[in-house]
Amino acid sequence: MGDTLEFNEIYQEVKGSWNDGRLRFSKQNVVYKSSKTGKVDSIPAGELNMAQWRRVCLGHGIKLGTSTGHIYKYDGFRDTDFEKISEFFKANYKVELTEKDMCVKGWNWGTAKFSGPLLSFDVNDSSAFEIPLSNVSQCATGKNEVTLEFHQNDDTEVSLMEVRFYVPPSQADERQDPVEAFAQNVLSKADVIQATGDAVCIFKELQCLTPRGRYDIRIYPTFLHLHGKTFDYKIPYTTVLRLFLLPHKDQRQMFFVISLDPPIKQGQTRYHFLILLFSKEEDINLTLNMSEEDVERRFEGKLSKNMSGSLYEMVSRVMKALVNRKITVPGNFQGHSGAQCITCSYKASSGLLYPLERGFIYVHKPPVHLRFEEISCVNFARGTTTTRSFDFEIETKQGNQYTFSSIEREEYGKLFDFVNAKKLNIKNRGFKEGMKGKIDEYSDSDDDQHDAYLERMKAEGKIREEGNDSDDSDGGSDESFNPGEEDDDIAEEYDSNASASDSSDDGDESEDESAKKKKVKKTKVVKEKKERKPRKEKKQKDSGGPKRPMSAYMLWLNSSRERIKSENPGISITEISKKAGEMWRQLGKDEKEEWETKAGEAKRQYDKAKKEYKESGGGSTSSSKKESKKSGGKKDEKKRKSAGGDKDRERGGGNDSFKSKEFIETSEESSSDSDHKSKSKRKKQESEEEEEEAASTPASSEEESD
């Protein structure tokens, strides 16, 4: 038998919710790590004194007891695991794994037994159910009744809120009430926060970012009390998962982050993180409200009765001693500016992303903590608004995606090195790098690798800088722009009116002067009109001609499409083309030569067929058809016009018999007068147009004509 036994998908009940994780039995200890929170329970092998194998709802489970009075229960084992675990316990822990049957009679009367942190309800010396007293939030008593209320868990769809026990009166001991004795046993182990006694120390008016405001923090032996102007929060130390001490980017402030599970609640809002902001320059002299002997005995040298130093150091030191957890600080990562964090945006607000030794943490709104072991892959994406920044996307194994946007382009190299050194799976690596597929090879240095995204970012930066330079050079030519051009164009519209007014009104000298000025301006500002190039007519495909031949790749794709579909069932059309492109790039020269020869043969056949088609006059028929269509269209228009004129004559001819001789003569005279007037108008318009053209032509063109 090996030195260790490991089991996956082992469940632990936490306040009414099943959390899965991994359990490992070794010679030194028993270790359970939760997949949800990453919290680790370690039981030294020397403390184990009891082990029971039981049939539970999730298959089989193990109940372990320690000499310190703690009880641990793990479910999700198979029936075949019993012999293997039993032999391991006997050989390494000197503890026998006994089988214990649960009572399934369904009786609701029995005996209540308090064994350590558990309340066991037994029926005929067999346990019917067990209640962890740490789940109890309140205990109320009645005449012969005790009511237990439980902490609510947001992760469960259905929560057990309350259990009531009827305690019959006892005649044996009249001095002690059995109901009160039952309640005292529950409260001694329950997770009920009672502010009894004095606080160990008090920190006044600390700035808190989440929940927002300034709070007095009172440190009690078992819980933390936040007292604000509007709300109060009591946080048991058992709910604290991790502690973080993070330097601000400005190097003048510090974040102290407390991770909580379950979170503190305010209405429908849940706060999974408590974030305090300190100034590095703020100092404090702290005196604990305990005797020196009590401080030494309780904290074992971690704290002293009188301490002085920076405020953030004192708060973090006291919290570390009371919670008994390590403080996580940033590792060796340094950004472009030398800070240990990266400025970015998450959702609608900007904040700081800290790469840690075992994860990422983002502060502050909303705070996010992601462990490396729960990350499936990361992705470096191009910024949506500008090329001066990029996005960093993290996808977890549960399918959640976190996008940190607006990261400066200069941070890319540092962040990529960090992610690569931590052996995280990078989603948008190049094709050749993606073919490696081994995490062990990710530890190679990036100096020898070609980073396609970084090269693309550099190229885009050079193009943008060249564009800015060209804009500056164009700006010099813009200085010759005359802002009065618009006014001059407007003046041209009134030049004809000005000349007309000169001919009609000879007495106004001012009008003559203004007209002369306008004429002078007109010759300066007139621009040459550029002739527009006629649009090229699109070539129409000849439907009767031979079809173009396929390339070597298309010939190979048509023959391989069915094989790709069979090897990848359910693949979409776009994915087929991507897959085919990858396969074609991987083909050797010999295999490609076969399809290139086929493509060359098809090209020769196409050229031959096209030549024969042109010799037979196939290409000319289409052009003749176009000309015939155009000429036919003009003839149709003429026919329509002539037909319309005939109809008008027929309509007018019907009334000619009723007109008198005098009316006919007068109508002919009037028609001749109108024709004469229209001719004179046309002549005037033509002369005016000639004058305008002469005035609008530049001086250079006139000299050339002379």
Foldseek 3Di string as FASTA:
>chain_A
DDQKDKDFQKWFDDLNDTFGFMWMDGLFWIWTATPPQRFIDTGGLQFWDAWEWEQDPQAIKIWTAGPVQDIGIIDNDHPVCVVVVQVVCCVRNVYGYYYAYADDPPDPDADWDDRRQKTFGDDPNHTNDIDRLQQFADWDFDDQKIKTAGDDDPVDPDHDGIDMDGHDADPPDPVDTVRVVVRVSSVVNYNYDDPPDAFQWKDAQFAWVVVGDTWIWTHHLFWIWTHDPPDIDIGGLVQWRAWEWEADPVNFKIKIKTAGVPFTDDPPDGARIIITMFGQPAKDKTATPDDQVCCCVQQVPLDGRIDIHGPVVVVVSVSCSSSVHDYFYADDAAFPVRGQWWWWDWDPDIWTWGDHPFWIWTDDVPIDTGGLVQWQAKEWAAAPPDNQWIWIWTAGPVGDITITTDTGLRRVVRVLQVCLCSLGHYDPADPVVVVVPDSVVSNDGCVPPDGPVNVVSVVVVVVVVVVVVVVVVVVVVCVPDDPCLVVLVVLVVCLVVLVVVCVVDVPDPVSVVVSVVNLVSLQVRFDDDDDDDDDDDDDDDQPPADDAFDALLVVVCVVCVVVVCVVPPPDDPVVSVVVSVVVVVVDDPVVSVVSRVVRVVRRVVRVVRRVVCVVVVSVVVVVVVVVVVVVVVVVVVVVVVVVVVVVVVVVVVVCVVVDDPVVVVVVVVVVVVVVVVVVVVVVVVVVVVVVVVVSSDHPVVVVVVD
